[in-house]
Amino acid sequence: MAVETKFVVVRKGEEKMTFASKKEADAYDKMLDMAEAFTDWLLQSELALDEAQAENIALFLAEQKDGLQHILRTSKLPEAPGTAATVAVETAEHAEVDNSGNEATGDKKIRAVKAA
């Protein structure tokens, strides 16, 4: 017999989502906390929103927190995935090239470089 551990996020007595890892369940729970705070904030605003609209907007903002943070920091839309002009520097064995052009193996991390 197999034993499985599942982590269930429960809100107001209702099961919201089941996860295989505690880390994923905690992240989802944190996102729901954020959405709840956004909902309260939107309902306190002068905007004419009903509770369902506020909840939908709040959940969207919480789910898109990385994009929201980018906009707040830069006042610009984040680039859509796959549109950034990046070039990954990588080889099969994470080799680095020294000044003479010879490859030397190393444990350097691969990094993306934004193309001009």
Protein backbone atom coordinates (compact mmCIF):
# COMPACT_ATOMS: atom_id res chain seq x y z
CA MET A 1 0.00 0.00 0.00
CA ALA A 2 1.32 3.43 -0.93
CA VAL A 3 1.15 6.38 1.42
CA GLU A 4 0.76 9.84 -0.07
CA THR A 5 1.11 13.12 1.75
CA LYS A 6 -1.08 15.92 0.46
CA PHE A 7 -1.22 19.52 1.58
CA VAL A 8 -4.66 21.11 1.36
CA VAL A 9 -5.27 24.86 1.48
CA VAL A 10 -8.54 25.51 3.30
CA ARG A 11 -10.23 28.93 3.45
CA LYS A 12 -13.41 29.59 5.44
CA GLY A 13 -14.02 25.85 5.72
CA GLU A 14 -13.72 25.33 1.96
CA GLU A 15 -10.92 23.34 0.32
CA LYS A 16 -9.30 25.62 -2.24
CA MET A 17 -6.45 23.55 -3.64
CA THR A 18 -4.41 20.40 -2.95
CA PHE A 19 -0.64 20.29 -3.38
CA ALA A 20 2.06 17.64 -3.25
CA SER A 21 4.53 19.88 -1.38
CA LYS A 22 4.24 22.14 1.64
CA LYS A 23 6.20 24.86 -0.17
CA GLU A 24 3.64 25.04 -2.99
CA ALA A 25 0.73 25.02 -0.52
CA ASP A 26 2.32 27.81 1.53
CA ALA A 27 2.92 29.91 -1.61
CA TYR A 28 -0.72 29.49 -2.68
CA ASP A 29 -1.94 30.33 0.83
CA LYS A 30 0.22 33.46 0.84
CA MET A 31 -1.21 34.46 -2.55
CA LEU A 32 -4.75 34.05 -1.15
CA ASP A 33 -3.79 36.20 1.86
CA MET A 34 -2.57 38.88 -0.54
CA ALA A 35 -5.78 38.66 -2.59
CA GLU A 36 -7.85 39.04 0.57
CA ALA A 37 -5.91 42.18 1.54
CA PHE A 38 -6.34 43.58 -1.99
CA THR A 39 -10.10 42.87 -1.80
CA ASP A 40 -10.44 44.75 1.49
CA TRP A 41 -8.38 47.63 0.10
CA LEU A 42 -10.44 47.84 -3.10
CA LEU A 43 -13.73 47.75 -1.17
CA GLN A 44 -12.51 50.63 1.03
CA SER A 45 -11.59 52.69 -2.02
CA GLU A 46 -13.83 55.22 -3.71
CA LEU A 47 -14.23 52.92 -6.71
CA ALA A 48 -17.74 51.69 -7.41
CA LEU A 49 -17.03 47.95 -7.22
CA ASP A 50 -19.26 45.21 -5.94
CA GLU A 51 -17.66 42.50 -3.81
CA ALA A 52 -17.37 39.99 -6.68
CA GLN A 53 -15.58 42.52 -8.90
CA ALA A 54 -13.23 43.48 -6.07
CA GLU A 55 -12.46 39.81 -5.39
CA ASN A 56 -11.75 39.10 -9.07
CA ILE A 57 -9.48 42.12 -9.44
CA ALA A 58 -7.73 41.31 -6.14
CA LEU A 59 -7.10 37.70 -7.14
CA PHE A 60 -5.71 38.84 -10.49
CA LEU A 61 -3.37 41.34 -8.80
CA ALA A 62 -2.17 38.71 -6.32
CA GLU A 63 -1.58 36.14 -9.08
CA GLN A 64 0.33 38.72 -11.13
CA LYS A 65 2.36 40.16 -8.24
CA ASP A 66 5.68 39.97 -10.12
CA GLY A 67 4.30 41.98 -13.02
CA LEU A 68 2.63 44.39 -10.62
CA GLN A 69 5.89 44.92 -8.74
CA HIS A 70 7.70 45.55 -12.05
CA ILE A 71 5.14 48.19 -13.04
CA LEU A 72 5.35 49.86 -9.62
CA ARG A 73 9.18 49.95 -9.78
CA THR A 74 9.61 51.01 -13.39
CA SER A 75 6.26 52.52 -14.50
CA LYS A 76 6.52 50.24 -17.55
CA LEU A 77 4.82 47.04 -18.61
CA PRO A 78 6.91 43.91 -18.13
CA GLU A 79 8.07 42.23 -21.31
CA ALA A 80 5.95 39.30 -22.38
CA PRO A 81 7.66 35.90 -22.05
CA GLY A 82 9.59 35.01 -25.19
CA THR A 83 9.88 38.57 -26.48
CA ALA A 84 12.98 39.61 -24.57
CA ALA A 85 16.07 39.76 -26.74
CA THR A 86 18.32 37.63 -24.57
CA VAL A 87 21.19 35.43 -25.51
CA ALA A 88 22.06 32.55 -23.21
CA VAL A 89 25.73 31.72 -22.97
CA GLU A 90 25.94 28.00 -22.48
CA THR A 91 27.70 24.84 -23.55
CA ALA A 92 27.10 21.20 -22.83
CA GLU A 93 29.60 21.10 -19.96
CA HIS A 94 29.29 24.68 -18.65
CA ALA A 95 32.68 25.44 -20.15
CA GLU A 96 34.13 28.91 -20.15
CA VAL A 97 36.43 30.28 -22.80
CA ASP A 98 39.66 31.95 -21.66
CA ASN A 99 41.28 34.86 -23.51
CA SER A 100 43.31 32.54 -25.76
CA GLY A 101 40.11 30.97 -27.10
CA ASN A 102 40.70 27.63 -25.38
CA GLU A 103 37.88 26.09 -23.37
CA ALA A 104 38.45 25.50 -19.70
CA THR A 105 35.87 23.65 -17.66
CA GLY A 106 34.51 25.44 -14.65
CA ASP A 107 31.49 25.71 -12.41
CA LYS A 108 30.54 29.19 -13.53
CA LYS A 109 26.84 29.87 -13.64
CA ILE A 110 25.23 30.46 -17.00
CA ARG A 111 23.74 33.91 -17.32
CA ALA A 112 21.56 35.62 -19.86
CA VAL A 113 22.81 38.76 -21.56
CA LYS A 114 20.37 41.30 -22.95
CA ALA A 115 21.03 41.90 -26.62
CA ALA A 116 21.35 45.46 -27.86
